[in-house]
């Protein structure tokens, strides 16, 4: 038994998504942990496969969970029960992601500035810790997508404003889907890799303007990758 109450409602996917968040928090899952199988969730909630899949897709779109083909479903980030799951419809295609980058530039550059100006010493130390883990993964495996997400999330957390993590992390799911197959490339992230350390150093120096500029340079690299992978 997973400890989830059966659902009895005509519009089940939103309720199931909320139940899954409750379940994740109750069982203290951490980022990277594997979640129960689709069949286990169906049995625990007393709903059909399509309802579970729709709820899972909603959480995946918010970058809360990740479905790895052949491996299972994994938690990307911890989520508060009170988090507002803003319904942002971003498709994992070229034009939609370019539009989304316009929004991310504003949010992420502001987050970096706030992290630099009012992030605690402890929060900035955590950014460095995440950076070192990302660099190690990149140098060892040639890519570090999961560690990259954790690094950026550490900057959102350093702002002290939970809305940055909720909004920006919620937008990253379609980008992750785009940069996986069939657009998977061994050289993905190479041009932006050095900028991550530059961004950390700008924040650690308590330089909001340099943090903003470096963030925008990093996102410009993301845009170039998108345009090269899926030219018009």
Protein backbone atom coordinates (compact mmCIF):
# COMPACT_ATOMS: atom_id res chain seq x y z
CA UNK A 1 0.00 0.00 0.00
CA UNK A 2 1.30 3.42 -0.94
CA UNK A 3 -0.88 5.33 1.51
CA UNK A 4 -2.91 7.17 -1.13
CA UNK A 5 -6.68 7.60 -0.88
CA UNK A 6 -8.74 6.44 -3.89
CA UNK A 7 -9.98 9.25 -6.11
CA UNK A 8 -13.66 9.70 -6.96
CA UNK A 9 -14.13 12.74 -9.19
CA UNK A 10 -15.03 13.39 -12.80
CA UNK A 11 -11.94 15.51 -13.45
CA UNK A 12 -9.27 13.35 -11.93
CA UNK A 13 -5.92 14.44 -13.32
CA UNK A 14 -5.54 17.62 -11.25
CA UNK A 15 -6.56 15.81 -8.07
CA UNK A 16 -4.19 12.95 -8.85
CA UNK A 17 -1.37 15.43 -9.41
CA UNK A 18 -2.05 16.95 -5.99
CA UNK A 19 -2.17 13.48 -4.43
CA UNK A 20 1.17 12.62 -6.00
CA UNK A 21 2.72 15.78 -4.54
CA UNK A 22 1.31 14.84 -1.12
CA UNK A 23 2.73 11.33 -1.53
CA UNK A 24 6.17 12.65 -2.52
CA UNK A 25 6.29 14.95 0.50
CA UNK A 26 4.88 12.36 2.92
CA UNK A 27 7.48 9.79 1.93
CA UNK A 28 10.29 12.39 1.87
CA UNK A 29 11.45 11.65 -1.65
CA UNK A 30 14.47 13.65 -2.74
CA UNK A 31 15.56 14.85 -6.17
CA UNK A 32 16.78 11.86 -8.17
CA UNK A 33 14.68 9.26 -6.33
CA UNK A 34 12.58 6.83 -8.36
CA UNK A 35 8.82 6.98 -7.84
CA UNK A 36 6.38 4.03 -7.82
CA UNK A 37 5.45 2.44 -11.12
CA UNK A 38 2.44 3.49 -13.14
CA UNK A 39 0.62 0.28 -12.20
CA UNK A 40 1.25 0.83 -8.47
CA UNK A 41 -0.17 4.33 -8.70
CA UNK A 42 -3.22 3.08 -10.62
CA UNK A 43 -3.95 0.49 -7.95
CA UNK A 44 -3.39 2.88 -5.04
CA UNK A 45 -5.60 5.62 -6.49
CA UNK A 46 -8.24 3.37 -8.02
CA UNK A 47 -8.07 5.12 -11.39
CA UNK A 48 -7.23 4.14 -14.94
CA UNK A 49 -3.96 4.32 -16.78
CA UNK A 50 -4.95 7.39 -18.83
CA UNK A 51 -5.79 9.43 -15.71
CA UNK A 52 -2.45 8.60 -14.09
CA UNK A 53 -0.55 9.37 -17.28
CA UNK A 54 -2.26 12.73 -17.69
CA UNK A 55 -1.43 13.69 -14.09
CA UNK A 56 2.16 12.56 -14.53
CA UNK A 57 2.49 14.61 -17.72
CA UNK A 58 1.29 17.69 -15.87
CA UNK A 59 3.96 17.25 -13.21
CA UNK A 60 6.56 16.51 -15.86
CA UNK A 61 5.68 19.78 -17.64
CA UNK A 62 6.39 21.60 -14.37
CA UNK A 63 9.78 19.90 -14.13
CA UNK A 64 8.72 18.15 -10.91
CA UNK A 65 9.17 14.64 -12.26
CA UNK A 66 10.98 13.12 -15.21
CA UNK A 67 10.03 10.03 -17.20
CA UNK A 68 13.06 8.09 -18.38
CA UNK A 69 12.21 5.57 -21.04
CA UNK A 70 13.01 2.07 -19.90
CA UNK A 71 14.04 3.22 -16.43
CA UNK A 72 10.97 4.67 -14.72
CA UNK A 73 9.74 7.94 -13.24
CA UNK A 74 12.04 10.07 -11.11
CA UNK A 75 11.68 13.15 -8.94
CA UNK A 76 13.42 16.20 -10.41
CA UNK A 77 12.85 18.55 -7.51
CA UNK A 78 11.04 18.71 -4.22
CA UNK A 79 7.80 20.62 -4.28
CA UNK A 80 5.77 22.30 -1.57
CA UNK A 81 2.18 21.25 -1.06
CA UNK A 82 1.26 24.93 -1.27
CA UNK A 83 3.15 25.53 -4.51
CA UNK A 84 1.10 27.20 -7.18
CA UNK A 85 1.38 25.07 -10.30
CA UNK A 86 1.05 27.83 -12.89
CA UNK A 87 -0.37 26.38 -16.13
CA UNK A 88 2.26 27.55 -18.63
CA UNK A 89 1.72 25.84 -21.97
CA UNK A 90 5.18 25.43 -23.53
CA UNK A 91 5.61 22.85 -26.25
CA UNK A 92 9.05 21.25 -26.66
CA UNK A 93 9.52 22.71 -30.14
CA UNK A 94 11.80 25.38 -31.57
CA UNK A 95 9.46 28.38 -31.69
CA UNK A 96 7.77 27.72 -28.33
CA UNK A 97 11.12 27.46 -26.57
CA UNK A 98 12.44 30.64 -28.15
CA UNK A 99 9.35 32.47 -26.87
CA UNK A 100 9.84 30.91 -23.44
CA UNK A 101 13.45 32.09 -23.37
CA UNK A 102 12.21 35.68 -23.53
CA UNK A 103 10.46 35.07 -20.22
CA UNK A 104 13.32 33.08 -18.71
CA UNK A 105 15.78 35.88 -19.45
CA UNK A 106 13.80 38.28 -17.31
CA UNK A 107 13.24 35.84 -14.47
CA UNK A 108 16.67 34.23 -14.35
CA UNK A 109 18.66 37.44 -14.68
CA UNK A 110 16.62 38.97 -11.86
CA UNK A 111 17.14 35.85 -9.73
CA UNK A 112 20.90 36.04 -10.26
CA UNK A 113 20.94 39.72 -9.29
CA UNK A 114 18.96 39.08 -6.12
CA UNK A 115 21.13 36.07 -5.22
CA UNK A 116 24.21 38.29 -5.56
CA UNK A 117 22.77 41.16 -3.57
CA UNK A 118 21.06 39.37 -0.72
CA UNK A 119 21.95 35.68 -0.84
CA UNK A 120 23.34 34.39 2.45
CA UNK A 121 26.89 33.10 2.70
CA UNK A 122 25.45 29.62 3.25
CA UNK A 123 23.31 29.89 0.10
CA UNK A 124 26.26 31.02 -2.00
CA UNK A 125 28.39 28.17 -0.62
CA UNK A 126 25.66 25.79 -1.74
CA UNK A 127 25.79 27.30 -5.24
CA UNK A 128 29.51 26.56 -5.32
CA UNK A 129 28.91 23.00 -4.11
CA UNK A 130 26.41 22.44 -6.92
CA UNK A 131 28.80 23.97 -9.44
CA UNK A 132 31.62 21.63 -8.44
CA UNK A 133 29.27 18.64 -8.76
CA UNK A 134 28.20 19.84 -12.20
CA UNK A 135 31.77 20.36 -13.37
CA UNK A 136 32.77 16.91 -12.13
CA UNK A 137 29.86 15.26 -13.95
CA UNK A 138 30.61 17.22 -17.11
CA UNK A 139 34.28 16.32 -17.10
CA UNK A 140 33.54 12.66 -16.27
CA UNK A 141 30.60 11.98 -18.58
CA UNK A 142 30.78 14.80 -21.15
CA UNK A 143 27.43 16.20 -20.05
CA UNK A 144 25.71 17.13 -16.80
CA UNK A 145 22.06 17.89 -17.48
CA UNK A 146 20.73 16.87 -14.10
CA UNK A 147 23.57 18.57 -12.23
CA UNK A 148 23.06 21.66 -14.38
CA UNK A 149 19.42 21.85 -13.27
CA UNK A 150 20.46 21.53 -9.62
CA UNK A 151 23.05 24.30 -10.03
CA UNK A 152 20.52 26.74 -11.46
CA UNK A 153 17.98 25.77 -8.81
CA UNK A 154 20.53 26.66 -6.13
CA UNK A 155 20.58 30.20 -7.51
CA UNK A 156 16.79 30.45 -7.37
CA UNK A 157 16.88 29.22 -3.78
CA UNK A 158 19.53 31.82 -2.89
CA UNK A 159 17.04 34.59 -3.67
CA UNK A 160 14.95 33.60 -0.66
CA UNK A 161 11.86 33.94 -2.88
CA UNK A 162 10.24 30.54 -3.56
CA UNK A 163 8.39 31.87 -6.60
CA UNK A 164 11.59 31.95 -8.63
CA UNK A 165 12.08 28.22 -8.21
CA UNK A 166 8.42 27.48 -8.84
CA UNK A 167 8.14 29.56 -12.00
CA UNK A 168 11.52 28.92 -13.62
CA UNK A 169 11.80 25.25 -12.70
CA UNK A 170 8.27 24.84 -13.98
CA UNK A 171 9.41 26.11 -17.38
CA UNK A 172 12.47 23.88 -17.73
CA UNK A 173 10.63 20.61 -18.48
CA UNK A 174 9.96 21.32 -22.18
CA UNK A 175 13.60 22.39 -22.62
CA UNK A 176 14.78 19.09 -21.16
CA UNK A 177 12.43 17.20 -23.46
CA UNK A 178 13.76 19.11 -26.48
CA UNK A 179 17.39 18.46 -25.63
CA UNK A 180 16.78 14.73 -25.23
CA UNK A 181 16.28 12.40 -28.21
CA UNK A 182 15.97 12.92 -31.15
CA UNK A 183 18.04 16.08 -30.67
CA UNK A 184 20.54 14.41 -28.34
CA UNK A 185 24.08 15.66 -29.03
CA UNK A 186 27.36 14.83 -27.36
CA UNK A 187 28.53 18.44 -27.61
CA UNK A 188 25.41 19.91 -26.03
CA UNK A 189 26.25 22.53 -23.41
CA UNK A 190 29.90 22.86 -24.39
CA UNK A 191 29.75 26.56 -25.25
CA UNK A 192 27.85 27.50 -22.09
CA UNK A 193 29.82 25.29 -19.71
CA UNK A 194 32.50 27.88 -18.72
CA UNK A 195 29.81 30.50 -18.10
CA UNK A 196 28.47 28.56 -15.13
CA UNK A 197 31.64 29.19 -13.13
CA UNK A 198 31.64 32.81 -14.29
CA UNK A 199 28.08 33.13 -13.02
CA UNK A 200 28.93 31.66 -9.65
CA UNK A 201 31.96 33.95 -9.32
CA UNK A 202 29.86 37.01 -10.15
CA UNK A 203 27.32 36.05 -7.47
CA UNK A 204 30.06 35.25 -4.96
CA UNK A 205 31.59 38.68 -5.61
CA UNK A 206 28.22 40.22 -4.79
CA UNK A 207 28.09 41.84 -8.23
CA UNK A 208 24.43 41.96 -9.34
CA UNK A 209 25.09 43.57 -12.73
CA UNK A 210 27.78 41.08 -13.72
CA UNK A 211 25.50 38.27 -12.52
CA UNK A 212 22.74 39.59 -14.76
CA UNK A 213 25.01 39.92 -17.80
CA UNK A 214 26.49 36.44 -17.34
CA UNK A 215 23.03 34.90 -17.01
CA UNK A 216 21.96 36.50 -20.27
CA UNK A 217 25.11 35.22 -22.02
CA UNK A 218 24.34 31.73 -20.77
CA UNK A 219 20.76 31.85 -22.06
CA UNK A 220 22.01 33.20 -25.39
CA UNK A 221 24.00 29.96 -25.67
CA UNK A 222 20.82 27.97 -24.99
CA UNK A 223 19.07 29.85 -27.79
CA UNK A 224 21.92 29.15 -30.20
CA UNK A 225 21.75 25.44 -29.33
CA UNK A 226 18.02 25.39 -30.02
CA UNK A 227 18.36 27.17 -33.34
CA UNK A 228 21.17 24.89 -34.47
CA UNK A 229 19.37 21.72 -33.45
CA UNK A 230 16.08 22.69 -35.09
CA UNK A 231 16.70 25.29 -37.79
CA UNK A 232 13.70 26.94 -39.41
